[in-house]
Amino acid sequence: QVHVVESGGGLVQAGGSLRLSCAASGRTVAYTDLAMGWFRQAPGKGREFVANIGWNGLNPDYADFVEGRFTISRTSAKNTMYLQMLNLKPEDTAVYYCKALTSSGGTYWGQGTQVTVSS
């Protein structure tokens, strides 16, 4: 079992920046056993993919709407993932969720962190 917790959301003006963090923990979890990623969900919309990163911090991938503004990363020593968001737009307003995928196929989600971007 994996416990996933996001943090770092808040209120920011358009053009500002935020850094989201995600910590994954479990009695048998090692950072090399987890693929991790970010999703988001705006009111009245489905959950959509934002970015993901491989088992050892390799092969980052981004949704088209990111447009080069976000950077996903993770530490090698701990199961911690980050999303550095620059030049935020009002359209980025959503609840952002962390996802962890184990090597055995288990999927785990955090409770989400709110990002609000004002115009």
C-alpha atoms as a PDB file:
ATOM      1  CA  GLN A   1       0.000   0.000   0.000  1.00  0.00           C
ATOM      2  CA  VAL A   2       1.200   3.506  -0.923  1.00  0.00           C
ATOM      3  CA  HIS A   3       0.152   6.750   0.773  1.00  0.00           C
ATOM      4  CA  VAL A   4       0.336   9.825  -1.478  1.00  0.00           C
ATOM      5  CA  VAL A   5       0.151  13.446  -0.269  1.00  0.00           C
ATOM      6  CA  GLU A   6       0.288  16.640  -2.376  1.00  0.00           C
ATOM      7  CA  SER A   7       1.160  20.143  -1.195  1.00  0.00           C
ATOM      8  CA  GLY A   8       2.133  23.554  -2.556  1.00  0.00           C
ATOM      9  CA  GLY A   9      -1.107  24.778  -4.097  1.00  0.00           C
ATOM     10  CA  GLY A  10      -2.429  28.271  -3.524  1.00  0.00           C
ATOM     11  CA  LEU A  11      -3.670  31.518  -5.040  1.00  0.00           C
ATOM     12  CA  VAL A  12      -1.463  33.307  -7.559  1.00  0.00           C
ATOM     13  CA  GLN A  13      -1.900  36.039 -10.169  1.00  0.00           C
ATOM     14  CA  ALA A  14      -1.623  35.294 -13.862  1.00  0.00           C
ATOM     15  CA  GLY A  15       2.027  35.099 -14.857  1.00  0.00           C
ATOM     16  CA  GLY A  16       3.080  33.923 -11.424  1.00  0.00           C
ATOM     17  CA  SER A  17       4.568  30.611 -10.353  1.00  0.00           C
ATOM     18  CA  LEU A  18       3.997  27.763  -7.920  1.00  0.00           C
ATOM     19  CA  ARG A  19       5.860  24.585  -7.034  1.00  0.00           C
ATOM     20  CA  LEU A  20       3.797  21.529  -6.171  1.00  0.00           C
ATOM     21  CA  SER A  21       5.204  18.640  -4.156  1.00  0.00           C
ATOM     22  CA  CYS A  22       4.100  15.030  -3.842  1.00  0.00           C
ATOM     23  CA  ALA A  23       5.360  12.602  -1.214  1.00  0.00           C
ATOM     24  CA  ALA A  24       4.750   8.865  -1.557  1.00  0.00           C
ATOM     25  CA  SER A  25       5.333   6.497   1.334  1.00  0.00           C
ATOM     26  CA  GLY A  26       4.795   2.872   2.267  1.00  0.00           C
ATOM     27  CA  ARG A  27       6.448   0.084   4.213  1.00  0.00           C
ATOM     28  CA  THR A  28       7.662  -1.703   1.074  1.00  0.00           C
ATOM     29  CA  VAL A  29       7.952   1.230  -1.325  1.00  0.00           C
ATOM     30  CA  ALA A  30      11.269   2.254  -2.847  1.00  0.00           C
ATOM     31  CA  TYR A  31      11.714   5.189  -5.201  1.00  0.00           C
ATOM     32  CA  THR A  32      12.959   2.861  -7.920  1.00  0.00           C
ATOM     33  CA  ASP A  33       9.634   0.982  -7.851  1.00  0.00           C
ATOM     34  CA  LEU A  34       7.369   3.956  -8.587  1.00  0.00           C
ATOM     35  CA  ALA A  35       6.392   5.836 -11.696  1.00  0.00           C
ATOM     36  CA  MET A  36       4.751   9.126 -10.772  1.00  0.00           C
ATOM     37  CA  GLY A  37       2.746  11.841 -12.454  1.00  0.00           C
ATOM     38  CA  TRP A  38       0.423  14.836 -12.130  1.00  0.00           C
ATOM     39  CA  PHE A  39      -3.207  15.176 -13.184  1.00  0.00           C
ATOM     40  CA  ARG A  40      -5.683  18.021 -12.717  1.00  0.00           C
ATOM     41  CA  GLN A  41      -9.441  18.511 -12.586  1.00  0.00           C
ATOM     42  CA  ALA A  42     -11.359  21.767 -13.031  1.00  0.00           C
ATOM     43  CA  PRO A  43     -14.993  22.160 -11.865  1.00  0.00           C
ATOM     44  CA  GLY A  44     -17.366  20.351 -14.190  1.00  0.00           C
ATOM     45  CA  LYS A  45     -14.551  18.663 -16.102  1.00  0.00           C
ATOM     46  CA  GLY A  46     -12.871  15.283 -16.014  1.00  0.00           C
ATOM     47  CA  ARG A  47      -9.442  14.578 -14.649  1.00  0.00           C
ATOM     48  CA  GLU A  48      -6.772  15.269 -17.278  1.00  0.00           C
ATOM     49  CA  PHE A  49      -3.120  14.386 -17.643  1.00  0.00           C
ATOM     50  CA  VAL A  50      -0.519  17.068 -16.890  1.00  0.00           C
ATOM     51  CA  ALA A  51       2.894  15.377 -16.689  1.00  0.00           C
ATOM     52  CA  ASN A  52       4.619  12.160 -15.675  1.00  0.00           C
ATOM     53  CA  ILE A  53       8.109  10.879 -14.951  1.00  0.00           C
ATOM     54  CA  GLY A  54       9.741   7.454 -14.929  1.00  0.00           C
ATOM     55  CA  TRP A  55      10.983   5.135 -12.222  1.00  0.00           C
ATOM     56  CA  ASN A  56      14.307   6.910 -11.735  1.00  0.00           C
ATOM     57  CA  GLY A  57      13.440  10.440 -12.818  1.00  0.00           C
ATOM     58  CA  LEU A  58      13.837   9.686 -16.515  1.00  0.00           C
ATOM     59  CA  ASN A  59      11.599  10.200 -19.537  1.00  0.00           C
ATOM     60  CA  PRO A  60       9.545  13.239 -18.494  1.00  0.00           C
ATOM     61  CA  ASP A  61       6.387  13.759 -20.518  1.00  0.00           C
ATOM     62  CA  TYR A  62       3.928  16.683 -20.683  1.00  0.00           C
ATOM     63  CA  ALA A  63       0.458  17.475 -21.932  1.00  0.00           C
ATOM     64  CA  ASP A  64       0.246  19.856 -24.890  1.00  0.00           C
ATOM     65  CA  PHE A  65      -1.317  22.655 -22.844  1.00  0.00           C
ATOM     66  CA  VAL A  66       1.814  22.880 -20.678  1.00  0.00           C
ATOM     67  CA  GLU A  67       3.531  24.699 -23.564  1.00  0.00           C
ATOM     68  CA  GLY A  68       6.968  24.504 -21.962  1.00  0.00           C
ATOM     69  CA  ARG A  69       5.843  26.284 -18.781  1.00  0.00           C
ATOM     70  CA  PHE A  70       6.053  23.363 -16.322  1.00  0.00           C
ATOM     71  CA  THR A  71       8.907  21.119 -15.223  1.00  0.00           C
ATOM     72  CA  ILE A  72       8.421  17.752 -13.525  1.00  0.00           C
ATOM     73  CA  SER A  73      11.188  16.242 -11.393  1.00  0.00           C
ATOM     74  CA  ARG A  74      11.756  13.807  -8.536  1.00  0.00           C
ATOM     75  CA  THR A  75      14.463  13.043  -6.020  1.00  0.00           C
ATOM     76  CA  SER A  76      16.563   9.906  -6.207  1.00  0.00           C
ATOM     77  CA  ALA A  77      16.852   9.506  -2.429  1.00  0.00           C
ATOM     78  CA  LYS A  78      13.162   9.776  -1.537  1.00  0.00           C
ATOM     79  CA  ASN A  79       9.789   9.192  -3.159  1.00  0.00           C
ATOM     80  CA  THR A  80       9.179  12.898  -3.664  1.00  0.00           C
ATOM     81  CA  MET A  81       8.032  14.490  -6.917  1.00  0.00           C
ATOM     82  CA  TYR A  82       7.768  18.151  -7.891  1.00  0.00           C
ATOM     83  CA  LEU A  83       5.962  20.209 -10.483  1.00  0.00           C
ATOM     84  CA  GLN A  84       7.476  23.651 -11.038  1.00  0.00           C
ATOM     85  CA  MET A  85       4.853  25.803 -12.761  1.00  0.00           C
ATOM     86  CA  LEU A  86       5.810  29.102 -14.404  1.00  0.00           C
ATOM     87  CA  ASN A  87       3.733  31.718 -16.227  1.00  0.00           C
ATOM     88  CA  LEU A  88       0.474  30.389 -14.834  1.00  0.00           C
ATOM     89  CA  LYS A  89      -2.770  31.191 -16.625  1.00  0.00           C
ATOM     90  CA  PRO A  90      -6.353  31.395 -15.315  1.00  0.00           C
ATOM     91  CA  GLU A  91      -7.062  28.266 -17.369  1.00  0.00           C
ATOM     92  CA  ASP A  92      -4.647  26.388 -15.086  1.00  0.00           C
ATOM     93  CA  THR A  93      -7.069  26.759 -12.164  1.00  0.00           C
ATOM     94  CA  ALA A  94      -7.893  23.248 -10.949  1.00  0.00           C
ATOM     95  CA  VAL A  95      -7.311  20.689  -8.246  1.00  0.00           C
ATOM     96  CA  TYR A  96      -3.985  19.016  -8.962  1.00  0.00           C
ATOM     97  CA  TYR A  97      -3.568  15.329  -8.091  1.00  0.00           C
ATOM     98  CA  CYS A  98      -0.483  13.183  -7.676  1.00  0.00           C
ATOM     99  CA  LYS A  99      -0.512   9.634  -9.052  1.00  0.00           C
ATOM    100  CA  ALA A 100       1.868   6.817  -8.136  1.00  0.00           C
ATOM    101  CA  LEU A 101       2.139   3.558 -10.079  1.00  0.00           C
ATOM    102  CA  THR A 102       3.990   0.578  -8.628  1.00  0.00           C
ATOM    103  CA  SER A 103       5.998  -1.919 -10.642  1.00  0.00           C
ATOM    104  CA  SER A 104       3.339  -4.536  -9.872  1.00  0.00           C
ATOM    105  CA  GLY A 105       0.588  -2.384 -11.392  1.00  0.00           C
ATOM    106  CA  GLY A 106      -0.967  -0.786  -8.316  1.00  0.00           C
ATOM    107  CA  THR A 107      -2.298   2.765  -8.743  1.00  0.00           C
ATOM    108  CA  TYR A 108      -2.523   5.283  -5.894  1.00  0.00           C
ATOM    109  CA  TRP A 109      -3.847   8.856  -5.778  1.00  0.00           C
ATOM    110  CA  GLY A 110      -3.424  11.764  -3.404  1.00  0.00           C
ATOM    111  CA  GLN A 111      -6.309  13.907  -2.164  1.00  0.00           C
ATOM    112  CA  GLY A 112      -5.377  16.878  -4.364  1.00  0.00           C
ATOM    113  CA  THR A 113      -4.150  20.424  -3.858  1.00  0.00           C
ATOM    114  CA  GLN A 114      -6.014  23.509  -5.113  1.00  0.00           C
ATOM    115  CA  VAL A 115      -4.350  25.862  -7.604  1.00  0.00           C
ATOM    116  CA  THR A 116      -6.196  29.117  -8.319  1.00  0.00           C
ATOM    117  CA  VAL A 117      -4.883  31.636 -10.861  1.00  0.00           C
ATOM    118  CA  SER A 118      -6.486  35.084 -10.958  1.00  0.00           C
ATOM    119  CA  SER A 119      -6.541  37.367 -13.998  1.00  0.00           C
END
